[in-house]
């Protein structure tokens, strides 16, 4: 069973590389943006011809949320056109596509966890490009899983946890937003969930549930509460102060509430999802 991973140098790609060491049942092929440029159909045709994957995990994405507001063409090229290109080459090669999307497809106005059936209404360029990428995939291919996730962090790449640890080494005090609520997602847990879906699909060809799914860790918190736990588990003492979103304006609008309901993915793939706090503690 061959699995092609695009965006191999990114945070999720690196988490999948680590997970691959304990999943010998899967032959992974990791391709970075040079080898598999999802904005270039010829590049994708070449790597698919070489690898011949049964599954493809698309971990390639434009994720600079604020920069997307001023680089909309680049964001659309990767998140929308790129997703469509990948769906087409997967369809041509009879490859199952696992595409990672985001909580930013929602407007954040809900007061209860979002399900896969809730109406999408992105409020940023980033969210819009990711939603249009989802729609492009759904228009092109039937054999797909779209996994919406949130607040992804890990020991790899650039993320909130690593930013907090870096700033704590440079400063005596920090202000962090305390009126946006969501769920941190450990990229290592997300990687394991994707592999679980692949194994289920490969082993249950007559009982497959393609479609859209939510995945994050369990529980919820604000960014301030997330930062507080990061410092706690790393035994860092710092003057941490909560602030409202209005005190920290950003180019892109963030969802005020973006907790994801994971009932569907847990029931269908018998997933045991760790709580965000216990998952964070594993990285300390």
Protein backbone atom coordinates (compact mmCIF):
# COMPACT_ATOMS: atom_id res chain seq x y z
CA UNK A 1 0.00 0.00 0.00
CA UNK A 2 1.69 3.16 -1.23
CA UNK A 3 0.80 6.57 0.22
CA UNK A 4 2.05 9.77 -1.39
CA UNK A 5 2.35 12.76 0.95
CA UNK A 6 2.52 16.21 -0.62
CA UNK A 7 3.84 19.14 1.40
CA UNK A 8 6.31 16.78 3.08
CA UNK A 9 8.42 19.58 4.57
CA UNK A 10 5.50 21.20 6.40
CA UNK A 11 4.34 20.61 9.94
CA UNK A 12 1.92 17.77 9.15
CA UNK A 13 4.29 16.29 6.59
CA UNK A 14 7.01 16.02 9.23
CA UNK A 15 4.57 14.51 11.73
CA UNK A 16 3.64 11.89 9.11
CA UNK A 17 7.33 11.13 8.55
CA UNK A 18 7.69 10.40 12.27
CA UNK A 19 4.52 8.29 12.31
CA UNK A 20 5.68 6.32 9.27
CA UNK A 21 8.41 4.73 11.38
CA UNK A 22 5.81 2.80 13.38
CA UNK A 23 3.48 1.97 10.47
CA UNK A 24 5.40 -0.56 8.43
CA UNK A 25 2.14 -1.70 6.79
CA UNK A 26 2.24 1.50 4.74
CA UNK A 27 4.89 2.47 2.19
CA UNK A 28 5.08 6.25 2.37
CA UNK A 29 6.54 8.46 -0.32
CA UNK A 30 7.19 12.01 0.87
CA UNK A 31 7.30 14.77 -1.74
CA UNK A 32 8.05 18.42 -1.01
CA UNK A 33 6.82 21.35 -3.07
CA UNK A 34 9.75 21.05 -5.48
CA UNK A 35 9.03 17.46 -6.43
CA UNK A 36 5.24 17.69 -6.21
CA UNK A 37 4.12 21.25 -6.93
CA UNK A 38 0.35 21.05 -6.63
CA UNK A 39 -0.02 24.26 -8.65
CA UNK A 40 1.69 22.51 -11.61
CA UNK A 41 -0.30 19.66 -13.22
CA UNK A 42 2.80 18.39 -15.06
CA UNK A 43 4.70 18.11 -11.79
CA UNK A 44 1.87 16.08 -10.28
CA UNK A 45 1.56 13.83 -13.33
CA UNK A 46 5.27 13.03 -13.11
CA UNK A 47 5.29 12.14 -9.42
CA UNK A 48 2.11 10.05 -9.69
CA UNK A 49 3.58 8.17 -12.65
CA UNK A 50 6.70 7.50 -10.59
CA UNK A 51 5.09 6.59 -7.25
CA UNK A 52 1.78 4.98 -8.35
CA UNK A 53 0.06 5.68 -4.99
CA UNK A 54 -3.17 4.07 -3.81
CA UNK A 55 -3.64 7.01 -1.42
CA UNK A 56 -2.51 10.63 -1.38
CA UNK A 57 -2.43 12.85 1.70
CA UNK A 58 -2.42 16.50 0.70
CA UNK A 59 -0.45 18.26 3.42
CA UNK A 60 0.51 21.07 1.04
CA UNK A 61 -1.23 24.35 1.82
CA UNK A 62 -0.83 28.10 2.05
CA UNK A 63 -1.37 28.63 5.78
CA UNK A 64 -0.14 32.20 6.40
CA UNK A 65 -3.58 33.43 7.46
CA UNK A 66 -2.78 37.12 7.69
CA UNK A 67 -0.43 37.26 4.72
CA UNK A 68 -3.15 35.68 2.58
CA UNK A 69 -5.10 38.94 2.79
CA UNK A 70 -2.39 40.61 0.70
CA UNK A 71 -1.27 37.51 -1.22
CA UNK A 72 -4.66 36.26 -2.30
CA UNK A 73 -3.50 35.07 -5.74
CA UNK A 74 -0.82 32.86 -4.19
CA UNK A 75 -3.24 31.54 -1.57
CA UNK A 76 -5.84 30.70 -4.25
CA UNK A 77 -3.20 29.06 -6.46
CA UNK A 78 -2.18 26.64 -3.70
CA UNK A 79 -5.35 26.13 -1.67
CA UNK A 80 -7.94 26.18 -4.44
CA UNK A 81 -6.35 25.52 -7.83
CA UNK A 82 -3.79 23.18 -6.28
CA UNK A 83 -6.48 21.14 -4.54
CA UNK A 84 -8.34 20.82 -7.83
CA UNK A 85 -5.18 19.76 -9.67
CA UNK A 86 -4.55 17.08 -7.09
CA UNK A 87 -8.13 15.82 -7.28
CA UNK A 88 -7.84 15.47 -11.07
CA UNK A 89 -4.59 13.51 -10.96
CA UNK A 90 -5.98 11.31 -8.17
CA UNK A 91 -9.08 10.57 -10.26
CA UNK A 92 -6.97 9.71 -13.31
CA UNK A 93 -4.81 7.36 -11.24
CA UNK A 94 -7.63 5.84 -9.15
CA UNK A 95 -5.99 7.24 -6.01
CA UNK A 96 -7.95 8.02 -2.84
CA UNK A 97 -7.36 11.63 -1.77
CA UNK A 98 -7.11 12.74 1.86
CA UNK A 99 -7.19 16.54 1.93
CA UNK A 100 -6.62 18.60 5.07
CA UNK A 101 -8.85 21.65 5.49
CA UNK A 102 -9.61 24.09 8.30
CA UNK A 103 -12.03 25.48 10.86
CA UNK A 104 -11.67 28.83 9.02
CA UNK A 105 -14.36 27.66 6.56
CA UNK A 106 -16.85 28.65 9.32
CA UNK A 107 -17.69 32.18 10.43
CA UNK A 108 -17.21 31.48 14.13
CA UNK A 109 -20.65 32.69 15.16
CA UNK A 110 -21.86 29.33 16.48
CA UNK A 111 -22.34 28.65 20.17
CA UNK A 112 -21.99 24.88 19.85
CA UNK A 113 -19.37 22.68 18.17
CA UNK A 114 -19.54 22.72 14.38
CA UNK A 115 -20.63 19.54 12.61
CA UNK A 116 -19.78 18.61 9.04
CA UNK A 117 -23.31 19.60 8.02
CA UNK A 118 -23.16 23.17 9.35
CA UNK A 119 -23.23 26.00 6.84
CA UNK A 120 -19.83 27.31 5.81
CA UNK A 121 -19.21 31.05 5.74
CA UNK A 122 -15.49 31.94 5.71
CA UNK A 123 -14.54 35.44 6.86
CA UNK A 124 -10.99 35.60 5.48
CA UNK A 125 -9.10 35.05 2.24
CA UNK A 126 -7.45 31.99 3.76
CA UNK A 127 -10.78 30.46 4.79
CA UNK A 128 -12.30 31.25 1.40
CA UNK A 129 -9.44 29.62 -0.51
CA UNK A 130 -9.65 26.50 1.65
CA UNK A 131 -13.42 26.21 1.21
CA UNK A 132 -13.13 26.64 -2.55
CA UNK A 133 -10.47 23.94 -2.51
CA UNK A 134 -12.92 21.62 -0.76
CA UNK A 135 -15.59 22.39 -3.37
CA UNK A 136 -13.16 21.82 -6.24
CA UNK A 137 -12.31 18.38 -4.87
CA UNK A 138 -15.98 17.47 -4.44
CA UNK A 139 -16.72 18.52 -8.02
CA UNK A 140 -13.94 16.38 -9.48
CA UNK A 141 -13.57 13.16 -7.51
CA UNK A 142 -15.77 10.86 -5.46
CA UNK A 143 -13.05 8.96 -3.58
CA UNK A 144 -11.99 11.67 -1.16
CA UNK A 145 -11.77 12.46 2.53
CA UNK A 146 -11.72 16.12 3.51
CA UNK A 147 -10.51 16.50 7.10
CA UNK A 148 -11.19 19.87 8.72
CA UNK A 149 -8.90 20.60 11.64
CA UNK A 150 -7.95 23.52 13.89
CA UNK A 151 -5.10 25.22 15.77
CA UNK A 152 -2.47 22.73 14.58
CA UNK A 153 0.82 22.67 16.50
CA UNK A 154 3.74 20.29 17.04
CA UNK A 155 7.46 20.14 17.55
CA UNK A 156 7.83 20.85 13.83
CA UNK A 157 7.55 23.96 11.68
CA UNK A 158 6.01 27.27 12.69
CA UNK A 159 3.08 27.21 15.10
CA UNK A 160 1.60 28.84 18.20
CA UNK A 161 3.35 26.59 20.69
CA UNK A 162 6.79 27.21 19.25
CA UNK A 163 6.09 30.94 19.00
CA UNK A 164 5.09 31.10 22.66
CA UNK A 165 8.24 29.23 23.73
CA UNK A 166 10.42 31.52 21.62
CA UNK A 167 8.79 34.69 22.95
CA UNK A 168 9.05 33.45 26.53
CA UNK A 169 12.81 33.16 26.05
CA UNK A 170 12.93 36.77 24.85
CA UNK A 171 10.45 38.55 27.13
CA UNK A 172 9.33 38.78 30.74
CA UNK A 173 5.64 39.29 29.91
CA UNK A 174 3.20 38.38 27.16
CA UNK A 175 -0.35 39.39 26.19
CA UNK A 176 -2.50 36.69 24.57
CA UNK A 177 -6.04 36.87 23.19
CA UNK A 178 -8.64 35.39 25.55
CA UNK A 179 -11.92 35.76 23.62
CA UNK A 180 -11.38 33.30 20.75
CA UNK A 181 -12.29 29.69 21.57
CA UNK A 182 -11.24 26.56 19.72
CA UNK A 183 -9.28 23.35 20.14
CA UNK A 184 -5.52 22.86 19.74
CA UNK A 185 -4.64 19.91 17.52
CA UNK A 186 -1.37 18.05 17.90
CA UNK A 187 -0.13 17.34 14.35
CA UNK A 188 1.12 13.95 15.52
CA UNK A 189 -2.43 12.97 16.53
CA UNK A 190 -3.77 14.24 13.21
CA UNK A 191 -1.17 12.14 11.38
CA UNK A 192 -2.27 9.01 13.26
CA UNK A 193 -5.92 9.75 12.46
CA UNK A 194 -5.13 10.02 8.74
CA UNK A 195 -3.27 6.71 8.80
CA UNK A 196 -6.22 5.10 10.62
CA UNK A 197 -8.54 6.29 7.85
CA UNK A 198 -6.19 4.91 5.19
CA UNK A 199 -5.92 1.51 6.87
CA UNK A 200 -9.69 1.32 7.34
CA UNK A 201 -10.29 2.17 3.69
CA UNK A 202 -7.72 -0.35 2.45
CA UNK A 203 -9.12 -3.13 4.64
CA UNK A 204 -12.84 -2.42 4.16
CA UNK A 205 -13.28 -1.86 0.44
CA UNK A 206 -16.98 -2.76 0.62
CA UNK A 207 -17.69 -0.44 3.54
CA UNK A 208 -16.09 2.94 2.80
CA UNK A 209 -17.41 6.32 3.90
CA UNK A 210 -15.88 9.03 1.78
CA UNK A 211 -16.78 12.63 2.56
CA UNK A 212 -16.08 15.54 4.91
CA UNK A 213 -14.91 14.99 8.50
CA UNK A 214 -13.84 17.08 11.49
CA UNK A 215 -10.74 16.24 13.50
CA UNK A 216 -9.13 18.05 16.40
CA UNK A 217 -8.13 17.00 19.87
CA UNK A 218 -10.85 16.87 22.53
CA UNK A 219 -11.81 19.77 24.76
CA UNK A 220 -11.68 23.49 24.12
CA UNK A 221 -9.84 26.59 25.30
CA UNK A 222 -8.92 30.15 24.40
CA UNK A 223 -5.54 31.12 23.00
CA UNK A 224 -4.69 32.54 26.44
CA UNK A 225 -5.56 29.24 28.11
CA UNK A 226 -3.53 27.37 25.51
CA UNK A 227 -0.52 29.60 26.15
CA UNK A 228 -0.92 29.20 29.92
CA UNK A 229 -0.84 25.40 29.57
CA UNK A 230 2.18 25.55 27.25
CA UNK A 231 4.14 27.46 29.89
CA UNK A 232 2.87 25.22 32.67
CA UNK A 233 3.96 21.94 31.05
CA UNK A 234 7.33 23.44 30.09
CA UNK A 235 7.82 24.84 33.62
CA UNK A 236 8.21 28.40 32.36
CA UNK A 237 7.39 31.33 34.63
CA UNK A 238 6.20 34.41 32.76
CA UNK A 239 3.79 37.30 33.30
CA UNK A 240 0.94 36.21 31.01
CA UNK A 241 -1.96 38.61 30.55
CA UNK A 242 -5.32 38.01 28.80
CA UNK A 243 -6.42 40.59 26.23
CA UNK A 244 -9.45 40.97 23.93
CA UNK A 245 -9.18 40.51 20.17
CA UNK A 246 -9.74 44.24 19.76
CA UNK A 247 -6.41 44.87 21.51
CA UNK A 248 -4.56 42.73 18.97
CA UNK A 249 -5.90 43.59 15.49
CA UNK A 250 -4.83 41.35 12.61
CA UNK A 251 -5.32 41.64 8.83
CA UNK A 252 -7.46 38.47 8.75
CA UNK A 253 -10.59 38.02 10.84
CA UNK A 254 -10.43 35.01 13.16
CA UNK A 255 -13.42 32.84 14.13
CA UNK A 256 -14.57 33.77 17.64
CA UNK A 257 -15.65 30.16 18.18
CA UNK A 258 -14.44 27.24 16.10
CA UNK A 259 -14.73 24.09 18.19
CA UNK A 260 -15.30 21.07 15.94
CA UNK A 261 -17.72 18.21 16.64
CA UNK A 262 -15.84 14.93 16.06
CA UNK A 263 -18.70 12.46 16.53
CA UNK A 264 -18.72 11.40 12.87
CA UNK A 265 -15.02 10.55 12.55
CA UNK A 266 -14.91 8.81 15.95
CA UNK A 267 -17.93 6.64 15.19
CA UNK A 268 -16.97 5.66 11.65
CA UNK A 269 -13.29 4.96 12.21
CA UNK A 270 -13.44 3.96 15.90
CA UNK A 271 -10.97 6.72 16.72
CA UNK A 272 -9.90 7.44 20.26
CA UNK A 273 -9.14 11.16 20.34
CA UNK A 274 -6.81 12.49 23.05
CA UNK A 275 -7.68 15.60 25.06
CA UNK A 276 -5.66 18.62 23.96
CA UNK A 277 -4.05 19.05 27.40
CA UNK A 278 -2.77 15.47 27.66
CA UNK A 279 -1.57 15.61 24.06
CA UNK A 280 0.32 18.84 24.71
CA UNK A 281 1.98 17.32 27.77
CA UNK A 282 3.55 14.62 25.58
CA UNK A 283 5.59 17.29 23.80
CA UNK A 284 6.97 18.91 26.95
